[in-house]
PDB file of N, CA and C in Angstrom:
ATOM      1  N   MET A   1       9.577  99.125  49.820  1.00  0.00           N
ATOM      2  CA  MET A   1       9.459  97.385  50.259  1.00  0.00           C
ATOM      3  C   MET A   1       8.036  97.406  50.812  1.00  0.00           C
ATOM      4  N   MET A   2       7.408  96.969  51.044  1.00  0.00           N
ATOM      5  CA  MET A   2       6.278  97.023  52.130  1.00  0.00           C
ATOM      6  C   MET A   2       6.017  95.611  52.601  1.00  0.00           C
ATOM      7  N   VAL A   3       5.931  95.357  53.837  1.00  0.00           N
ATOM      8  CA  VAL A   3       5.777  94.029  54.444  1.00  0.00           C
ATOM      9  C   VAL A   3       5.250  94.111  56.035  1.00  0.00           C
ATOM     10  N   ASN A   4       4.605  93.422  56.707  1.00  0.00           N
ATOM     11  CA  ASN A   4       4.124  93.552  58.049  1.00  0.00           C
ATOM     12  C   ASN A   4       5.171  92.758  58.565  1.00  0.00           C
ATOM     13  N   TRP A   5       5.890  92.734  59.263  1.00  0.00           N
ATOM     14  CA  TRP A   5       6.766  92.421  59.761  1.00  0.00           C
ATOM     15  C   TRP A   5       6.428  91.739  61.233  1.00  0.00           C
ATOM     16  N   ASN A   6       5.485  91.840  61.637  1.00  0.00           N
ATOM     17  CA  ASN A   6       4.790  91.805  62.953  1.00  0.00           C
ATOM     18  C   ASN A   6       4.570  90.360  63.285  1.00  0.00           C
ATOM     19  N   ILE A   7       4.277  89.605  62.231  1.00  0.00           N
ATOM     20  CA  ILE A   7       3.938  88.312  62.186  1.00  0.00           C
ATOM     21  C   ILE A   7       4.205  87.567  60.831  1.00  0.00           C
ATOM     22  N   ILE A   8       5.006  86.427  61.393  1.00  0.00           N
ATOM     23  CA  ILE A   8       5.165  85.765  60.558  1.00  0.00           C
ATOM     24  C   ILE A   8       4.195  84.368  60.689  1.00  0.00           C
ATOM     25  N   ASN A   9       3.746  83.943  59.272  1.00  0.00           N
ATOM     26  CA  ASN A   9       3.230  82.480  59.468  1.00  0.00           C
ATOM     27  C   ASN A   9       3.743  81.256  59.532  1.00  0.00           C
ATOM     28  N   SER A  10       3.289  80.600  60.376  1.00  0.00           N
ATOM     29  CA  SER A  10       4.236  79.427  60.582  1.00  0.00           C
ATOM     30  C   SER A  10       3.293  78.132  60.742  1.00  0.00           C
ATOM     31  N   SER A  11       3.812  77.176  60.335  1.00  0.00           N
ATOM     32  CA  SER A  11       2.941  75.799  60.904  1.00  0.00           C
ATOM     33  C   SER A  11       2.763  75.348  62.215  1.00  0.00           C
ATOM     34  N   GLU A  12       3.558  76.165  62.843  1.00  0.00           N
ATOM     35  CA  GLU A  12       3.203  75.682  64.406  1.00  0.00           C
ATOM     36  C   GLU A  12       2.337  76.813  64.892  1.00  0.00           C
ATOM     37  N   ARG A  13       2.971  78.003  65.076  1.00  0.00           N
ATOM     38  CA  ARG A  13       2.416  79.326  65.284  1.00  0.00           C
ATOM     39  C   ARG A  13       3.010  80.187  64.957  1.00  0.00           C
ATOM     40  N   ASP A  14       2.486  81.629  65.574  1.00  0.00           N
ATOM     41  CA  ASP A  14       2.909  82.784  64.652  1.00  0.00           C
ATOM     42  C   ASP A  14       4.333  83.031  65.690  1.00  0.00           C
ATOM     43  N   THR A  15       5.180  83.579  65.144  1.00  0.00           N
ATOM     44  CA  THR A  15       6.489  83.901  65.491  1.00  0.00           C
ATOM     45  C   THR A  15       6.669  85.308  65.317  1.00  0.00           C
ATOM     46  N   SER A  16       7.466  85.922  65.969  1.00  0.00           N
ATOM     47  CA  SER A  16       8.076  87.167  66.309  1.00  0.00           C
ATOM     48  C   SER A  16       8.903  87.447  65.079  1.00  0.00           C
ATOM     49  N   SER A  17       9.099  88.146  64.510  1.00  0.00           N
ATOM     50  CA  SER A  17       9.926  88.407  63.163  1.00  0.00           C
ATOM     51  C   SER A  17      11.382  89.149  63.565  1.00  0.00           C
ATOM     52  N   GLN A  18      11.280  89.796  64.839  1.00  0.00           N
ATOM     53  CA  GLN A  18      12.379  90.565  65.256  1.00  0.00           C
ATOM     54  C   GLN A  18      13.789  89.980  64.941  1.00  0.00           C
ATOM     55  N   SER A  19      13.867  88.930  65.155  1.00  0.00           N
ATOM     56  CA  SER A  19      15.262  88.210  65.140  1.00  0.00           C
ATOM     57  C   SER A  19      16.041  88.354  64.008  1.00  0.00           C
ATOM     58  N   ILE A  20      15.050  88.254  62.880  1.00  0.00           N
ATOM     59  CA  ILE A  20      15.648  88.004  61.756  1.00  0.00           C
ATOM     60  C   ILE A  20      15.599  88.947  60.744  1.00  0.00           C
ATOM     61  N   ARG A  21      14.663  90.232  61.015  1.00  0.00           N
ATOM     62  CA  ARG A  21      13.901  90.893  60.372  1.00  0.00           C
ATOM     63  C   ARG A  21      15.166  92.131  59.741  1.00  0.00           C
ATOM     64  N   LYS A  22      16.127  92.166  60.511  1.00  0.00           N
ATOM     65  CA  LYS A  22      17.313  93.312  59.972  1.00  0.00           C
ATOM     66  C   LYS A  22      18.187  92.344  58.819  1.00  0.00           C
ATOM     67  N   ALA A  23      18.611  91.255  58.939  1.00  0.00           N
ATOM     68  CA  ALA A  23      19.097  90.480  57.803  1.00  0.00           C
ATOM     69  C   ALA A  23      18.544  90.093  56.579  1.00  0.00           C
ATOM     70  N   ILE A  24      17.013  89.951  56.819  1.00  0.00           N
ATOM     71  CA  ILE A  24      15.899  89.684  55.413  1.00  0.00           C
ATOM     72  C   ILE A  24      15.981  91.128  54.874  1.00  0.00           C
ATOM     73  N   VAL A  25      15.887  92.100  55.763  1.00  0.00           N
ATOM     74  CA  VAL A  25      15.489  93.132  55.142  1.00  0.00           C
ATOM     75  C   VAL A  25      17.064  93.564  54.188  1.00  0.00           C
ATOM     76  N   SER A  26      17.846  93.499  54.608  1.00  0.00           N
ATOM     77  CA  SER A  26      19.014  94.131  54.331  1.00  0.00           C
ATOM     78  C   SER A  26      19.158  93.401  52.865  1.00  0.00           C
ATOM     79  N   VAL A  27      19.114  92.242  52.437  1.00  0.00           N
ATOM     80  CA  VAL A  27      19.202  91.579  51.516  1.00  0.00           C
ATOM     81  C   VAL A  27      18.037  91.750  50.397  1.00  0.00           C
ATOM     82  N   LEU A  28      16.827  91.944  50.993  1.00  0.00           N
ATOM     83  CA  LEU A  28      15.679  92.469  49.935  1.00  0.00           C
ATOM     84  C   LEU A  28      16.148  93.932  49.352  1.00  0.00           C
ATOM     85  N   THR A  29      16.583  94.692  50.164  1.00  0.00           N
ATOM     86  CA  THR A  29      16.880  96.159  49.785  1.00  0.00           C
ATOM     87  C   THR A  29      18.095  96.049  48.831  1.00  0.00           C
ATOM     88  N   ARG A  30      19.164  95.109  49.112  1.00  0.00           N
ATOM     89  CA  ARG A  30      20.295  95.240  48.238  1.00  0.00           C
ATOM     90  C   ARG A  30      20.043  94.729  47.241  1.00  0.00           C
ATOM     91  N   HIS A  31      19.306  93.615  47.296  1.00  0.00           N
ATOM     92  CA  HIS A  31      19.578  92.912  46.264  1.00  0.00           C
ATOM     93  C   HIS A  31      17.621  93.195  45.222  1.00  0.00           C
ATOM     94  N   TYR A  32      17.042  93.043  45.860  1.00  0.00           N
ATOM     95  CA  TYR A  32      15.727  93.211  45.488  1.00  0.00           C
ATOM     96  C   TYR A  32      15.124  94.449  45.535  1.00  0.00           C
ATOM     97  N   PRO A  33      15.598  95.780  45.362  1.00  0.00           N
ATOM     98  CA  PRO A  33      14.913  97.193  45.173  1.00  0.00           C
ATOM     99  C   PRO A  33      13.696  97.279  44.768  1.00  0.00           C
ATOM    100  N   GLY A  34      12.778  97.843  45.796  1.00  0.00           N
ATOM    101  CA  GLY A  34      11.631  98.187  45.014  1.00  0.00           C
ATOM    102  C   GLY A  34      10.647  96.801  45.248  1.00  0.00           C
ATOM    103  N   SER A  35      10.940  96.007  45.662  1.00  0.00           N
ATOM    104  CA  SER A  35      10.226  94.702  45.661  1.00  0.00           C
ATOM    105  C   SER A  35       8.974  94.719  46.707  1.00  0.00           C
ATOM    106  N   ILE A  36       8.048  94.224  46.315  1.00  0.00           N
ATOM    107  CA  ILE A  36       6.834  94.056  47.285  1.00  0.00           C
ATOM    108  C   ILE A  36       6.720  92.551  47.887  1.00  0.00           C
ATOM    109  N   VAL A  37       6.894  92.230  49.211  1.00  0.00           N
ATOM    110  CA  VAL A  37       6.650  90.710  49.741  1.00  0.00           C
ATOM    111  C   VAL A  37       4.864  90.749  49.969  1.00  0.00           C
ATOM    112  N   ASP A  38       4.746  89.594  48.993  1.00  0.00           N
ATOM    113  CA  ASP A  38       3.479  88.929  49.406  1.00  0.00           C
ATOM    114  C   ASP A  38       3.152  88.154  50.851  1.00  0.00           C
ATOM    115  N   CYS A  39       4.055  87.234  50.871  1.00  0.00           N
ATOM    116  CA  CYS A  39       3.919  86.845  52.204  1.00  0.00           C
ATOM    117  C   CYS A  39       5.361  86.146  53.089  1.00  0.00           C
ATOM    118  N   ILE A  40       5.323  86.186  54.091  1.00  0.00           N
ATOM    119  CA  ILE A  40       6.861  85.181  54.873  1.00  0.00           C
ATOM    120  C   ILE A  40       5.875  84.006  55.547  1.00  0.00           C
ATOM    121  N   GLU A  41       6.857  83.094  55.272  1.00  0.00           N
ATOM    122  CA  GLU A  41       6.272  81.490  56.051  1.00  0.00           C
ATOM    123  C   GLU A  41       7.558  81.257  57.128  1.00  0.00           C
ATOM    124  N   LYS A  42       6.915  80.423  57.945  1.00  0.00           N
ATOM    125  CA  LYS A  42       8.214  80.158  58.828  1.00  0.00           C
ATOM    126  C   LYS A  42       8.267  78.220  58.479  1.00  0.00           C
ATOM    127  N   LYS A  43       8.665  77.675  58.184  1.00  0.00           N
ATOM    128  CA  LYS A  43       8.605  76.341  57.766  1.00  0.00           C
ATOM    129  C   LYS A  43      10.213  75.784  58.493  1.00  0.00           C
ATOM    130  N   TYR A  44       9.792  75.077  60.010  1.00  0.00           N
ATOM    131  CA  TYR A  44      10.984  74.215  60.293  1.00  0.00           C
ATOM    132  C   TYR A  44      11.954  75.629  61.069  1.00  0.00           C
ATOM    133  N   ASN A  45      13.253  75.362  60.491  1.00  0.00           N
ATOM    134  CA  ASN A  45      14.259  76.396  61.017  1.00  0.00           C
ATOM    135  C   ASN A  45      14.417  77.265  59.645  1.00  0.00           C
ATOM    136  N   ALA A  46      13.634  77.473  58.651  1.00  0.00           N
ATOM    137  CA  ALA A  46      13.349  78.412  57.279  1.00  0.00           C
ATOM    138  C   ALA A  46      12.642  79.348  57.250  1.00  0.00           C
ATOM    139  N   TYR A  47      12.709  80.237  56.838  1.00  0.00           N
ATOM    140  CA  TYR A  47      11.545  81.315  56.154  1.00  0.00           C
ATOM    141  C   TYR A  47      11.719  81.257  54.909  1.00  0.00           C
ATOM    142  N   LYS A  48      10.553  81.386  54.140  1.00  0.00           N
ATOM    143  CA  LYS A  48       9.721  81.592  52.538  1.00  0.00           C
ATOM    144  C   LYS A  48       9.493  82.841  52.727  1.00  0.00           C
ATOM    145  N   ILE A  49      10.317  83.814  51.807  1.00  0.00           N
ATOM    146  CA  ILE A  49       9.663  84.920  51.744  1.00  0.00           C
ATOM    147  C   ILE A  49       9.198  85.039  49.655  1.00  0.00           C
ATOM    148  N   HIS A  50       7.706  85.325  49.752  1.00  0.00           N
ATOM    149  CA  HIS A  50       7.301  85.225  48.666  1.00  0.00           C
ATOM    150  C   HIS A  50       7.307  86.665  48.033  1.00  0.00           C
ATOM    151  N   LEU A  51       7.889  87.013  46.751  1.00  0.00           N
ATOM    152  CA  LEU A  51       7.701  88.466  46.375  1.00  0.00           C
ATOM    153  C   LEU A  51       6.952  88.566  45.513  1.00  0.00           C
ATOM    154  N   MET A  52       5.919  89.989  45.095  1.00  0.00           N
ATOM    155  CA  MET A  52       4.840  89.863  44.437  1.00  0.00           C
ATOM    156  C   MET A  52       5.491  89.413  42.841  1.00  0.00           C
ATOM    157  N   ASN A  53       6.638  89.362  42.209  1.00  0.00           N
ATOM    158  CA  ASN A  53       7.128  89.413  40.910  1.00  0.00           C
ATOM    159  C   ASN A  53       7.387  87.855  40.609  1.00  0.00           C
ATOM    160  N   GLY A  54       6.774  86.687  41.923  1.00  0.00           N
ATOM    161  CA  GLY A  54       6.951  85.744  41.706  1.00  0.00           C
ATOM    162  C   GLY A  54       8.022  84.883  42.530  1.00  0.00           C
ATOM    163  N   LEU A  55       9.281  85.714  42.766  1.00  0.00           N
ATOM    164  CA  LEU A  55      10.493  84.869  43.370  1.00  0.00           C
ATOM    165  C   LEU A  55       9.805  84.415  44.846  1.00  0.00           C
ATOM    166  N   CYS A  56      10.443  83.541  45.184  1.00  0.00           N
ATOM    167  CA  CYS A  56      10.687  82.593  46.038  1.00  0.00           C
ATOM    168  C   CYS A  56      11.999  82.675  46.922  1.00  0.00           C
ATOM    169  N   LEU A  57      12.373  83.630  47.985  1.00  0.00           N
ATOM    170  CA  LEU A  57      13.562  83.819  48.734  1.00  0.00           C
ATOM    171  C   LEU A  57      13.512  82.569  50.230  1.00  0.00           C
ATOM    172  N   THR A  58      14.637  81.963  50.197  1.00  0.00           N
ATOM    173  CA  THR A  58      14.937  81.142  51.612  1.00  0.00           C
ATOM    174  C   THR A  58      16.098  81.560  52.505  1.00  0.00           C
ATOM    175  N   PHE A  59      15.567  81.669  53.609  1.00  0.00           N
ATOM    176  CA  PHE A  59      16.289  82.450  54.828  1.00  0.00           C
ATOM    177  C   PHE A  59      16.552  81.300  55.699  1.00  0.00           C
ATOM    178  N   ASP A  60      17.712  80.551  56.497  1.00  0.00           N
ATOM    179  CA  ASP A  60      17.694  80.197  57.619  1.00  0.00           C
ATOM    180  C   ASP A  60      17.124  80.882  58.637  1.00  0.00           C
ATOM    181  N   ALA A  61      17.463  80.353  59.543  1.00  0.00           N
ATOM    182  CA  ALA A  61      16.860  80.786  61.082  1.00  0.00           C
ATOM    183  C   ALA A  61      17.393  82.118  61.827  1.00  0.00           C
ATOM    184  N   ASP A  62      18.224  82.588  61.135  1.00  0.00           N
ATOM    185  CA  ASP A  62      19.542  83.460  61.775  1.00  0.00           C
ATOM    186  C   ASP A  62      19.780  84.503  60.468  1.00  0.00           C
ATOM    187  N   GLY A  63      18.637  84.485  59.755  1.00  0.00           N
ATOM    188  CA  GLY A  63      18.328  85.451  58.258  1.00  0.00           C
ATOM    189  C   GLY A  63      19.353  85.116  57.489  1.00  0.00           C
ATOM    190  N   ARG A  64      19.774  84.124  57.035  1.00  0.00           N
ATOM    191  CA  ARG A  64      20.924  83.898  56.057  1.00  0.00           C
ATOM    192  C   ARG A  64      20.366  83.760  55.038  1.00  0.00           C
ATOM    193  N   ARG A  65      20.155  84.097  53.882  1.00  0.00           N
ATOM    194  CA  ARG A  65      19.892  83.516  52.663  1.00  0.00           C
ATOM    195  C   ARG A  65      20.756  82.142  52.433  1.00  0.00           C
ATOM    196  N   ILE A  66      19.424  81.265  52.076  1.00  0.00           N
ATOM    197  CA  ILE A  66      19.746  79.961  51.146  1.00  0.00           C
ATOM    198  C   ILE A  66      19.648  80.146  50.174  1.00  0.00           C
ATOM    199  N   ASN A  67      20.946  79.492  49.452  1.00  0.00           N
ATOM    200  CA  ASN A  67      20.943  79.131  47.948  1.00  0.00           C
ATOM    201  C   ASN A  67      19.716  77.880  47.758  1.00  0.00           C
ATOM    202  N   THR A  68      18.631  78.097  47.325  1.00  0.00           N
ATOM    203  CA  THR A  68      18.047  76.080  46.447  1.00  0.00           C
ATOM    204  C   THR A  68      18.135  76.721  45.179  1.00  0.00           C
ATOM    205  N   GLN A  69      17.642  75.366  44.575  1.00  0.00           N
ATOM    206  CA  GLN A  69      17.520  74.965  43.161  1.00  0.00           C
ATOM    207  C   GLN A  69      16.084  74.963  43.101  1.00  0.00           C
TER     208      GLN A  69
END
């Protein structure tokens, strides 16, 4: 999995991902091994992880996966 974890694109400003990185990486490596992250966006209190295979995963501010329809 390749991603630049230093910067997360935010609608307000750039935010460090250090506080959520471990939880998100754990989910991605466990459930989506070999996936490549296309981009990471912060929207309000959620993080959207777009994978190159077209999937979009949503995580809360603590890095927990949010099930969306």
